[in-house]
Amino acid sequence: MRIYAVADIHGKPEHMETVYRVLDHYQPELMVVPGDMTYFFNWSTVLSQLDSLPVPVLVVRGNTDLKRIEPRIKKAANITLLTETPLQIKGFSFVGTSGTLSLPFANKISLNEKKQLAALPCPMEPDTVLVVHTPPKGACDRVGKKIHAGSRNLARFIQAASPSLVLCGHIHEDFGLETLYQSTVVNCAISGPGSGAVIDLEKNESPGVNLIFRRPVAD
């Protein structure tokens, strides 16, 4: 199964134009947005655009996605808010947790981070995709190219739960791909050097990740 993962759209028209180009060129079966699809009170237009895309869209909320958008997502025909309850799609399990709390040089999922992580299945089933907004500490989480600002508790959870793939964003400048313990971590932020990632999933195999950099497809 081919998915397009892209975080940090922030409701920007130019980012949605990139999304349209990538979808048209790579023809994924599913799109996953690990948070910050909207920008605080600027949310109606981008949610309508996501709802009209030609592929199903799975999302979690980031720090610029207000909780008030959840009723709108529930009414959407094409958008699903991921939770701790696994969503099965073509033999793959998708789980997620929403939000992040920004702190100086460190990030947490929320003030109730430990409680939210405890609600997720652990250990996770094989071929599970974990979708979060903030990266785990130590993978795709560098600020200023040297300070690791990800979530320490999330990193510990990943070590225990062993999801096959972790999709995140939030720290725009550390767009990329790393391995943390037994998990593939992809920071798929579009508000930095990258434009998301196209990922091919095969049962019982490591994800095939194609990082998409700026101007991914010729006009």
C-alpha atoms as a PDB file:
ATOM      1  CA  MET A   1       0.000   0.000   0.000  1.00  0.00           C
ATOM      2  CA  ARG A   2       1.300   3.426  -0.912  1.00  0.00           C
ATOM      3  CA  ILE A   3       0.708   6.358   1.429  1.00  0.00           C
ATOM      4  CA  TYR A   4       1.589  10.041   1.269  1.00  0.00           C
ATOM      5  CA  ALA A   5       2.598  11.417   4.669  1.00  0.00           C
ATOM      6  CA  VAL A   6       2.725  15.191   5.080  1.00  0.00           C
ATOM      7  CA  ALA A   7       2.667  17.269   8.275  1.00  0.00           C
ATOM      8  CA  ASP A   8       2.581  21.004   9.014  1.00  0.00           C
ATOM      9  CA  ILE A   9       0.447  22.201   6.109  1.00  0.00           C
ATOM     10  CA  HIS A  10      -0.662  25.095   8.356  1.00  0.00           C
ATOM     11  CA  GLY A  11      -3.550  25.907   6.031  1.00  0.00           C
ATOM     12  CA  LYS A  12      -1.229  27.506   3.477  1.00  0.00           C
ATOM     13  CA  PRO A  13      -2.470  27.520  -0.147  1.00  0.00           C
ATOM     14  CA  GLU A  14       1.035  26.911  -1.498  1.00  0.00           C
ATOM     15  CA  HIS A  15       1.347  23.781   0.625  1.00  0.00           C
ATOM     16  CA  MET A  16      -1.986  22.481  -0.613  1.00  0.00           C
ATOM     17  CA  GLU A  17      -0.813  23.068  -4.185  1.00  0.00           C
ATOM     18  CA  THR A  18       2.178  20.848  -3.428  1.00  0.00           C
ATOM     19  CA  VAL A  19      -0.146  18.227  -1.952  1.00  0.00           C
ATOM     20  CA  TYR A  20      -2.209  18.208  -5.147  1.00  0.00           C
ATOM     21  CA  ARG A  21       0.920  17.781  -7.300  1.00  0.00           C
ATOM     22  CA  VAL A  22       2.313  14.949  -5.183  1.00  0.00           C
ATOM     23  CA  LEU A  23      -1.010  13.091  -5.149  1.00  0.00           C
ATOM     24  CA  ASP A  24      -1.331  13.443  -8.913  1.00  0.00           C
ATOM     25  CA  HIS A  25       2.215  12.279  -9.586  1.00  0.00           C
ATOM     26  CA  TYR A  26       2.610   9.414  -7.087  1.00  0.00           C
ATOM     27  CA  GLN A  27      -0.988   8.164  -6.916  1.00  0.00           C
ATOM     28  CA  PRO A  28      -1.008   7.002  -3.275  1.00  0.00           C
ATOM     29  CA  GLU A  29      -3.942   5.075  -1.856  1.00  0.00           C
ATOM     30  CA  LEU A  30      -3.989   6.977   1.422  1.00  0.00           C
ATOM     31  CA  MET A  31      -2.808  10.306   2.869  1.00  0.00           C
ATOM     32  CA  VAL A  32      -1.686  10.745   6.479  1.00  0.00           C
ATOM     33  CA  VAL A  33      -1.300  14.152   8.154  1.00  0.00           C
ATOM     34  CA  PRO A  34       0.610  14.050  11.486  1.00  0.00           C
ATOM     35  CA  GLY A  35      -0.763  17.349  12.756  1.00  0.00           C
ATOM     36  CA  ASP A  36      -0.770  21.095  12.067  1.00  0.00           C
ATOM     37  CA  MET A  37      -3.015  20.771   9.047  1.00  0.00           C
ATOM     38  CA  THR A  38      -4.660  24.066  10.085  1.00  0.00           C
ATOM     39  CA  TYR A  39      -3.394  27.266  11.670  1.00  0.00           C
ATOM     40  CA  PHE A  40      -5.366  28.145  14.799  1.00  0.00           C
ATOM     41  CA  PHE A  41      -8.487  30.027  13.661  1.00  0.00           C
ATOM     42  CA  ASN A  42      -7.682  29.536   9.981  1.00  0.00           C
ATOM     43  CA  TRP A  43      -9.078  26.036   9.548  1.00  0.00           C
ATOM     44  CA  SER A  44     -12.301  25.890   7.523  1.00  0.00           C
ATOM     45  CA  THR A  45     -10.829  26.128   4.028  1.00  0.00           C
ATOM     46  CA  VAL A  46      -8.061  23.572   4.463  1.00  0.00           C
ATOM     47  CA  LEU A  47     -10.390  21.037   6.071  1.00  0.00           C
ATOM     48  CA  SER A  48     -12.757  21.406   3.107  1.00  0.00           C
ATOM     49  CA  GLN A  49      -9.821  20.889   0.756  1.00  0.00           C
ATOM     50  CA  LEU A  50      -8.658  17.781   2.595  1.00  0.00           C
ATOM     51  CA  ASP A  51     -12.188  16.432   2.621  1.00  0.00           C
ATOM     52  CA  SER A  52     -12.379  16.758  -1.168  1.00  0.00           C
ATOM     53  CA  LEU A  53      -9.124  14.946  -1.955  1.00  0.00           C
ATOM     54  CA  PRO A  54      -9.293  11.785  -4.106  1.00  0.00           C
ATOM     55  CA  VAL A  55      -7.845   9.584  -1.334  1.00  0.00           C
ATOM     56  CA  PRO A  56      -8.865   8.963   2.301  1.00  0.00           C
ATOM     57  CA  VAL A  57      -7.072  11.243   4.782  1.00  0.00           C
ATOM     58  CA  LEU A  58      -6.001  10.163   8.280  1.00  0.00           C
ATOM     59  CA  VAL A  59      -5.035  12.919  10.722  1.00  0.00           C
ATOM     60  CA  VAL A  60      -4.012  13.785  14.252  1.00  0.00           C
ATOM     61  CA  ARG A  61      -4.137  17.297  15.698  1.00  0.00           C
ATOM     62  CA  GLY A  62      -0.940  19.269  16.233  1.00  0.00           C
ATOM     63  CA  ASN A  63      -0.304  22.383  18.306  1.00  0.00           C
ATOM     64  CA  THR A  64      -1.924  24.712  15.719  1.00  0.00           C
ATOM     65  CA  ASP A  65      -5.021  22.512  15.339  1.00  0.00           C
ATOM     66  CA  LEU A  66      -7.601  23.650  17.859  1.00  0.00           C
ATOM     67  CA  LYS A  67      -9.716  20.979  19.531  1.00  0.00           C
ATOM     68  CA  ARG A  68     -12.803  22.720  18.120  1.00  0.00           C
ATOM     69  CA  ILE A  69     -12.024  21.252  14.679  1.00  0.00           C
ATOM     70  CA  GLU A  70     -12.773  17.709  15.864  1.00  0.00           C
ATOM     71  CA  PRO A  71     -16.578  17.987  15.358  1.00  0.00           C
ATOM     72  CA  ARG A  72     -15.906  19.211  11.802  1.00  0.00           C
ATOM     73  CA  ILE A  73     -13.605  16.250  11.176  1.00  0.00           C
ATOM     74  CA  LYS A  74     -16.227  13.829  12.502  1.00  0.00           C
ATOM     75  CA  LYS A  75     -18.694  15.198   9.942  1.00  0.00           C
ATOM     76  CA  ALA A  76     -16.205  14.897   7.089  1.00  0.00           C
ATOM     77  CA  ALA A  77     -16.724  12.118   4.579  1.00  0.00           C
ATOM     78  CA  ASN A  78     -13.043  11.744   3.740  1.00  0.00           C
ATOM     79  CA  ILE A  79     -11.115  12.639   6.935  1.00  0.00           C
ATOM     80  CA  THR A  80     -10.576  10.345   9.920  1.00  0.00           C
ATOM     81  CA  LEU A  81      -9.085  11.463  13.239  1.00  0.00           C
ATOM     82  CA  LEU A  82      -6.793   8.709  14.482  1.00  0.00           C
ATOM     83  CA  THR A  83      -7.014   7.646  18.126  1.00  0.00           C
ATOM     84  CA  GLU A  84      -5.589   4.949  20.377  1.00  0.00           C
ATOM     85  CA  THR A  85      -8.071   2.486  18.839  1.00  0.00           C
ATOM     86  CA  PRO A  86      -6.320   0.785  15.895  1.00  0.00           C
ATOM     87  CA  LEU A  87      -7.788   1.487  12.466  1.00  0.00           C
ATOM     88  CA  GLN A  88      -7.257  -1.432  10.087  1.00  0.00           C
ATOM     89  CA  ILE A  89      -6.608  -0.620   6.436  1.00  0.00           C
ATOM     90  CA  LYS A  90      -5.473  -3.326   4.010  1.00  0.00           C
ATOM     91  CA  GLY A  91      -3.793  -5.330   6.748  1.00  0.00           C
ATOM     92  CA  PHE A  92      -2.033  -2.363   8.360  1.00  0.00           C
ATOM     93  CA  SER A  93      -2.952  -0.881  11.715  1.00  0.00           C
ATOM     94  CA  PHE A  94      -2.994   2.916  12.161  1.00  0.00           C
ATOM     95  CA  VAL A  95      -3.044   4.474  15.633  1.00  0.00           C
ATOM     96  CA  GLY A  96      -2.445   8.044  16.719  1.00  0.00           C
ATOM     97  CA  THR A  97      -2.507  10.603  19.462  1.00  0.00           C
ATOM     98  CA  SER A  98      -3.138  14.321  19.013  1.00  0.00           C
ATOM     99  CA  GLY A  99      -1.486  17.513  20.151  1.00  0.00           C
ATOM    100  CA  THR A 100       1.860  18.712  21.386  1.00  0.00           C
ATOM    101  CA  LEU A 101       3.056  21.088  24.051  1.00  0.00           C
ATOM    102  CA  SER A 102       6.041  23.181  22.991  1.00  0.00           C
ATOM    103  CA  LEU A 103       8.645  23.845  25.660  1.00  0.00           C
ATOM    104  CA  PRO A 104      12.135  25.383  25.394  1.00  0.00           C
ATOM    105  CA  PHE A 105      14.312  22.773  23.704  1.00  0.00           C
ATOM    106  CA  ALA A 106      11.936  19.967  24.612  1.00  0.00           C
ATOM    107  CA  ASN A 107       8.512  18.843  23.502  1.00  0.00           C
ATOM    108  CA  LYS A 108       5.749  16.812  25.035  1.00  0.00           C
ATOM    109  CA  ILE A 109       2.614  15.406  23.479  1.00  0.00           C
ATOM    110  CA  SER A 110       0.578  17.219  26.133  1.00  0.00           C
ATOM    111  CA  LEU A 111       0.434  17.933  29.828  1.00  0.00           C
ATOM    112  CA  ASN A 112      -1.084  14.438  30.097  1.00  0.00           C
ATOM    113  CA  GLU A 113       1.589  12.880  27.912  1.00  0.00           C
ATOM    114  CA  LYS A 114       2.143   9.762  30.010  1.00  0.00           C
ATOM    115  CA  LYS A 115      -1.601   9.141  30.224  1.00  0.00           C
ATOM    116  CA  GLN A 116      -2.029   9.528  26.451  1.00  0.00           C
ATOM    117  CA  LEU A 117       0.853   7.195  25.703  1.00  0.00           C
ATOM    118  CA  ALA A 118      -0.449   4.650  28.214  1.00  0.00           C
ATOM    119  CA  ALA A 119      -3.735   4.535  26.275  1.00  0.00           C
ATOM    120  CA  LEU A 120      -1.954   3.339  23.126  1.00  0.00           C
ATOM    121  CA  PRO A 121      -1.559  -0.400  22.509  1.00  0.00           C
ATOM    122  CA  CYS A 122       1.782  -1.730  23.758  1.00  0.00           C
ATOM    123  CA  PRO A 123       3.399  -3.769  22.415  1.00  0.00           C
ATOM    124  CA  MET A 124       1.985  -2.949  19.013  1.00  0.00           C
ATOM    125  CA  GLU A 125       0.958  -5.496  16.433  1.00  0.00           C
ATOM    126  CA  PRO A 126       3.309  -6.048  13.487  1.00  0.00           C
ATOM    127  CA  ASP A 127       2.795  -3.590  10.622  1.00  0.00           C
ATOM    128  CA  THR A 128       1.491  -0.834  12.906  1.00  0.00           C
ATOM    129  CA  VAL A 129       1.852   2.814  11.887  1.00  0.00           C
ATOM    130  CA  LEU A 130       1.996   5.247  14.827  1.00  0.00           C
ATOM    131  CA  VAL A 131       1.015   8.832  13.946  1.00  0.00           C
ATOM    132  CA  VAL A 132       2.012  11.651  16.304  1.00  0.00           C
ATOM    133  CA  HIS A 133       2.821  15.329  15.863  1.00  0.00           C
ATOM    134  CA  THR A 134       6.041  15.779  17.805  1.00  0.00           C
ATOM    135  CA  PRO A 135       9.031  13.546  17.045  1.00  0.00           C
ATOM    136  CA  PRO A 136      10.520  11.226  19.639  1.00  0.00           C
ATOM    137  CA  LYS A 137      13.696  12.411  21.314  1.00  0.00           C
ATOM    138  CA  GLY A 138      16.699  11.286  19.317  1.00  0.00           C
ATOM    139  CA  ALA A 139      15.119  10.903  15.884  1.00  0.00           C
ATOM    140  CA  CYS A 140      14.243  13.657  13.380  1.00  0.00           C
ATOM    141  CA  ASP A 141      13.990  16.157  16.241  1.00  0.00           C
ATOM    142  CA  ARG A 142      17.026  18.431  15.940  1.00  0.00           C
ATOM    143  CA  VAL A 143      16.721  22.181  16.427  1.00  0.00           C
ATOM    144  CA  GLY A 144      19.662  24.226  15.173  1.00  0.00           C
ATOM    145  CA  LYS A 145      21.099  20.986  13.750  1.00  0.00           C
ATOM    146  CA  LYS A 146      22.281  19.814  17.167  1.00  0.00           C
ATOM    147  CA  ILE A 147      19.718  20.130  19.974  1.00  0.00           C
ATOM    148  CA  HIS A 148      17.386  17.137  20.252  1.00  0.00           C
ATOM    149  CA  ALA A 149      13.994  18.604  21.158  1.00  0.00           C
ATOM    150  CA  GLY A 150      11.714  15.599  20.796  1.00  0.00           C
ATOM    151  CA  SER A 151       9.658  13.801  23.408  1.00  0.00           C
ATOM    152  CA  ARG A 152      11.639  11.586  25.763  1.00  0.00           C
ATOM    153  CA  ASN A 153       8.524   9.723  26.906  1.00  0.00           C
ATOM    154  CA  LEU A 154       7.535   9.060  23.303  1.00  0.00           C
ATOM    155  CA  ALA A 155      10.980   7.634  22.596  1.00  0.00           C
ATOM    156  CA  ARG A 156      10.619   5.285  25.568  1.00  0.00           C
ATOM    157  CA  PHE A 157       7.171   4.260  24.383  1.00  0.00           C
ATOM    158  CA  ILE A 158       8.485   3.488  20.886  1.00  0.00           C
ATOM    159  CA  GLN A 159      11.217   1.321  22.406  1.00  0.00           C
ATOM    160  CA  ALA A 160       8.577  -0.687  24.285  1.00  0.00           C
ATOM    161  CA  ALA A 161       5.844  -0.760  21.629  1.00  0.00           C
ATOM    162  CA  SER A 162       7.967  -1.275  18.472  1.00  0.00           C
ATOM    163  CA  PRO A 163       5.672   0.213  15.819  1.00  0.00           C
ATOM    164  CA  SER A 164       6.883  -0.525  12.317  1.00  0.00           C
ATOM    165  CA  LEU A 165       6.594   3.114  11.254  1.00  0.00           C
ATOM    166  CA  VAL A 166       6.325   6.408  13.168  1.00  0.00           C
ATOM    167  CA  LEU A 167       5.054   9.464  11.278  1.00  0.00           C
ATOM    168  CA  CYS A 168       5.625  12.911  12.792  1.00  0.00           C
ATOM    169  CA  GLY A 169       6.415  16.543  11.977  1.00  0.00           C
ATOM    170  CA  HIS A 170       6.474  19.692  14.148  1.00  0.00           C
ATOM    171  CA  ILE A 171      10.234  20.359  13.937  1.00  0.00           C
ATOM    172  CA  HIS A 172      10.276  21.572  10.357  1.00  0.00           C
ATOM    173  CA  GLU A 173      14.036  21.800   9.919  1.00  0.00           C
ATOM    174  CA  ASP A 174      14.710  18.119  10.703  1.00  0.00           C
ATOM    175  CA  PHE A 175      12.671  16.715   7.839  1.00  0.00           C
ATOM    176  CA  GLY A 176      13.947  13.244   7.112  1.00  0.00           C
ATOM    177  CA  LEU A 177      14.218   9.593   8.006  1.00  0.00           C
ATOM    178  CA  GLU A 178      15.895   7.801  10.919  1.00  0.00           C
ATOM    179  CA  THR A 179      15.722   4.483  12.740  1.00  0.00           C
ATOM    180  CA  LEU A 180      14.920   4.513  16.451  1.00  0.00           C
ATOM    181  CA  TYR A 181      15.283   1.132  18.140  1.00  0.00           C
ATOM    182  CA  GLN A 182      13.344  -1.171  15.755  1.00  0.00           C
ATOM    183  CA  SER A 183      11.103   1.561  14.280  1.00  0.00           C
ATOM    184  CA  THR A 184      11.386   3.715  11.169  1.00  0.00           C
ATOM    185  CA  VAL A 185      10.759   7.364  12.058  1.00  0.00           C
ATOM    186  CA  VAL A 186       9.785   9.833   9.318  1.00  0.00           C
ATOM    187  CA  ASN A 187       9.507  13.572   9.938  1.00  0.00           C
ATOM    188  CA  CYS A 188       7.333  14.518   6.973  1.00  0.00           C
ATOM    189  CA  ALA A 189       6.980  18.275   7.598  1.00  0.00           C
ATOM    190  CA  ILE A 190       6.150  20.353   4.534  1.00  0.00           C
ATOM    191  CA  SER A 191       7.039  23.699   6.179  1.00  0.00           C
ATOM    192  CA  GLY A 192      10.795  23.192   5.814  1.00  0.00           C
ATOM    193  CA  PRO A 193      13.113  21.671   3.199  1.00  0.00           C
ATOM    194  CA  GLY A 194      10.707  18.848   2.404  1.00  0.00           C
ATOM    195  CA  SER A 195       7.278  18.256   0.928  1.00  0.00           C
ATOM    196  CA  GLY A 196       6.376  15.084   2.786  1.00  0.00           C
ATOM    197  CA  ALA A 197       7.169  11.449   2.066  1.00  0.00           C
ATOM    198  CA  VAL A 198       5.727   8.786  -0.180  1.00  0.00           C
ATOM    199  CA  ILE A 199       5.905   5.460   1.627  1.00  0.00           C
ATOM    200  CA  ASP A 200       5.303   1.975   0.260  1.00  0.00           C
ATOM    201  CA  LEU A 201       4.119  -0.522   2.853  1.00  0.00           C
ATOM    202  CA  GLU A 202       4.442  -4.274   2.408  1.00  0.00           C
ATOM    203  CA  LYS A 203       3.377  -6.830   4.996  1.00  0.00           C
ATOM    204  CA  ASN A 204       6.202  -7.958   7.271  1.00  0.00           C
ATOM    205  CA  GLU A 205       8.763  -5.737   5.519  1.00  0.00           C
ATOM    206  CA  SER A 206      10.456  -2.466   6.377  1.00  0.00           C
ATOM    207  CA  PRO A 207       8.686   0.583   4.938  1.00  0.00           C
ATOM    208  CA  GLY A 208      10.028   1.901   1.641  1.00  0.00           C
ATOM    209  CA  VAL A 209      10.399   5.653   2.191  1.00  0.00           C
ATOM    210  CA  ASN A 210      10.804   8.189  -0.604  1.00  0.00           C
ATOM    211  CA  LEU A 211      11.468  11.650   0.850  1.00  0.00           C
ATOM    212  CA  ILE A 212      10.008  14.393  -1.336  1.00  0.00           C
ATOM    213  CA  PHE A 213      11.968  17.630  -1.360  1.00  0.00           C
ATOM    214  CA  ARG A 214      10.827  21.057  -2.535  1.00  0.00           C
ATOM    215  CA  ARG A 215       9.378  21.285  -6.054  1.00  0.00           C
ATOM    216  CA  PRO A 216       8.819  17.507  -6.191  1.00  0.00           C
ATOM    217  CA  VAL A 217       7.083  17.473  -9.545  1.00  0.00           C
ATOM    218  CA  ALA A 218       7.507  19.721 -12.561  1.00  0.00           C
ATOM    219  CA  ASP A 219       4.537  21.934 -13.395  1.00  0.00           C
END
